[in-house]
């Protein structure tokens, strides 16, 4: 049974790796990436909610005096 000749494997693997690298670089270089995002000014609007005009206070049960 003849042995498997592996003398060309290094050349084959190296050349296919380099080819894939070059192809990926060419593919990425043709992409149009957006510029850095800029902050858009937003207008803050104050809306009056019905519960804003009422005074309310929330008591934590742990802060209440012992009875």
C-alpha atoms as a PDB file:
ATOM      1  CA  UNK A   1       0.000   0.000   0.000  1.00  0.00           C
ATOM      2  CA  UNK A   2       1.645   3.284  -1.059  1.00  0.00           C
ATOM      3  CA  UNK A   3       2.163   6.058   1.432  1.00  0.00           C
ATOM      4  CA  UNK A   4       0.374   9.375   1.160  1.00  0.00           C
ATOM      5  CA  UNK A   5       2.630  12.031  -0.297  1.00  0.00           C
ATOM      6  CA  UNK A   6       2.355  15.076   1.993  1.00  0.00           C
ATOM      7  CA  UNK A   7       5.248  17.068   0.584  1.00  0.00           C
ATOM      8  CA  UNK A   8       2.970  19.512  -1.271  1.00  0.00           C
ATOM      9  CA  UNK A   9       0.530  20.073   1.599  1.00  0.00           C
ATOM     10  CA  UNK A  10       2.406  23.028   3.039  1.00  0.00           C
ATOM     11  CA  UNK A  11       2.468  24.823  -0.304  1.00  0.00           C
ATOM     12  CA  UNK A  12      -1.209  24.082  -0.937  1.00  0.00           C
ATOM     13  CA  UNK A  13      -2.358  25.251   2.499  1.00  0.00           C
ATOM     14  CA  UNK A  14      -0.163  28.354   2.429  1.00  0.00           C
ATOM     15  CA  UNK A  15      -1.251  29.411  -1.042  1.00  0.00           C
ATOM     16  CA  UNK A  16      -4.959  28.882  -0.284  1.00  0.00           C
ATOM     17  CA  UNK A  17      -4.626  30.855   2.967  1.00  0.00           C
ATOM     18  CA  UNK A  18      -2.949  33.750   1.168  1.00  0.00           C
ATOM     19  CA  UNK A  19      -5.570  33.631  -1.594  1.00  0.00           C
ATOM     20  CA  UNK A  20      -8.432  33.701   0.908  1.00  0.00           C
ATOM     21  CA  UNK A  21      -6.801  36.595   2.740  1.00  0.00           C
ATOM     22  CA  UNK A  22      -6.440  38.605  -0.464  1.00  0.00           C
ATOM     23  CA  UNK A  23     -10.018  37.849  -1.530  1.00  0.00           C
ATOM     24  CA  UNK A  24     -11.388  38.921   1.847  1.00  0.00           C
ATOM     25  CA  UNK A  25      -9.337  42.126   1.744  1.00  0.00           C
ATOM     26  CA  UNK A  26     -10.692  42.936  -1.708  1.00  0.00           C
ATOM     27  CA  UNK A  27     -14.241  42.171  -0.605  1.00  0.00           C
ATOM     28  CA  UNK A  28     -13.957  44.350   2.503  1.00  0.00           C
ATOM     29  CA  UNK A  29     -12.290  47.212   0.609  1.00  0.00           C
ATOM     30  CA  UNK A  30     -15.271  47.521  -1.744  1.00  0.00           C
ATOM     31  CA  UNK A  31     -17.726  47.980   1.129  1.00  0.00           C
ATOM     32  CA  UNK A  32     -18.991  51.466   1.922  1.00  0.00           C
ATOM     33  CA  UNK A  33     -18.964  51.916   5.664  1.00  0.00           C
ATOM     34  CA  UNK A  34     -20.861  54.814   7.257  1.00  0.00           C
ATOM     35  CA  UNK A  35     -18.937  57.668   8.796  1.00  0.00           C
ATOM     36  CA  UNK A  36     -18.631  58.064  12.533  1.00  0.00           C
ATOM     37  CA  UNK A  37     -22.040  58.650  14.093  1.00  0.00           C
ATOM     38  CA  UNK A  38     -22.804  62.218  15.015  1.00  0.00           C
ATOM     39  CA  UNK A  39     -24.992  63.390  17.855  1.00  0.00           C
ATOM     40  CA  UNK A  40     -28.304  64.752  16.693  1.00  0.00           C
ATOM     41  CA  UNK A  41     -29.754  67.594  18.757  1.00  0.00           C
ATOM     42  CA  UNK A  42     -32.999  66.563  20.359  1.00  0.00           C
ATOM     43  CA  UNK A  43     -35.648  68.866  21.706  1.00  0.00           C
ATOM     44  CA  UNK A  44     -36.834  67.997  25.162  1.00  0.00           C
ATOM     45  CA  UNK A  45     -40.518  68.589  25.606  1.00  0.00           C
ATOM     46  CA  UNK A  46     -42.056  68.862  29.025  1.00  0.00           C
ATOM     47  CA  UNK A  47     -45.409  67.217  29.202  1.00  0.00           C
ATOM     48  CA  UNK A  48     -47.597  67.838  32.192  1.00  0.00           C
ATOM     49  CA  UNK A  49     -48.899  64.587  33.581  1.00  0.00           C
ATOM     50  CA  UNK A  50     -51.861  64.616  35.975  1.00  0.00           C
ATOM     51  CA  UNK A  51     -49.801  63.125  38.779  1.00  0.00           C
ATOM     52  CA  UNK A  52     -47.062  65.760  38.467  1.00  0.00           C
ATOM     53  CA  UNK A  53     -49.200  68.468  40.022  1.00  0.00           C
ATOM     54  CA  UNK A  54     -50.062  66.400  43.113  1.00  0.00           C
ATOM     55  CA  UNK A  55     -47.731  66.052  46.067  1.00  0.00           C
ATOM     56  CA  UNK A  56     -47.103  62.425  46.849  1.00  0.00           C
ATOM     57  CA  UNK A  57     -44.593  60.714  49.035  1.00  0.00           C
ATOM     58  CA  UNK A  58     -43.801  57.025  49.039  1.00  0.00           C
ATOM     59  CA  UNK A  59     -42.962  55.548  52.399  1.00  0.00           C
ATOM     60  CA  UNK A  60     -40.735  52.534  52.654  1.00  0.00           C
ATOM     61  CA  UNK A  61     -42.121  50.015  55.182  1.00  0.00           C
ATOM     62  CA  UNK A  62     -38.684  49.731  56.773  1.00  0.00           C
ATOM     63  CA  UNK A  63     -38.544  53.485  57.472  1.00  0.00           C
ATOM     64  CA  UNK A  64     -41.900  53.657  59.257  1.00  0.00           C
ATOM     65  CA  UNK A  65     -41.798  53.882  63.059  1.00  0.00           C
ATOM     66  CA  UNK A  66     -42.452  50.702  64.956  1.00  0.00           C
ATOM     67  CA  UNK A  67     -45.970  50.366  66.321  1.00  0.00           C
END
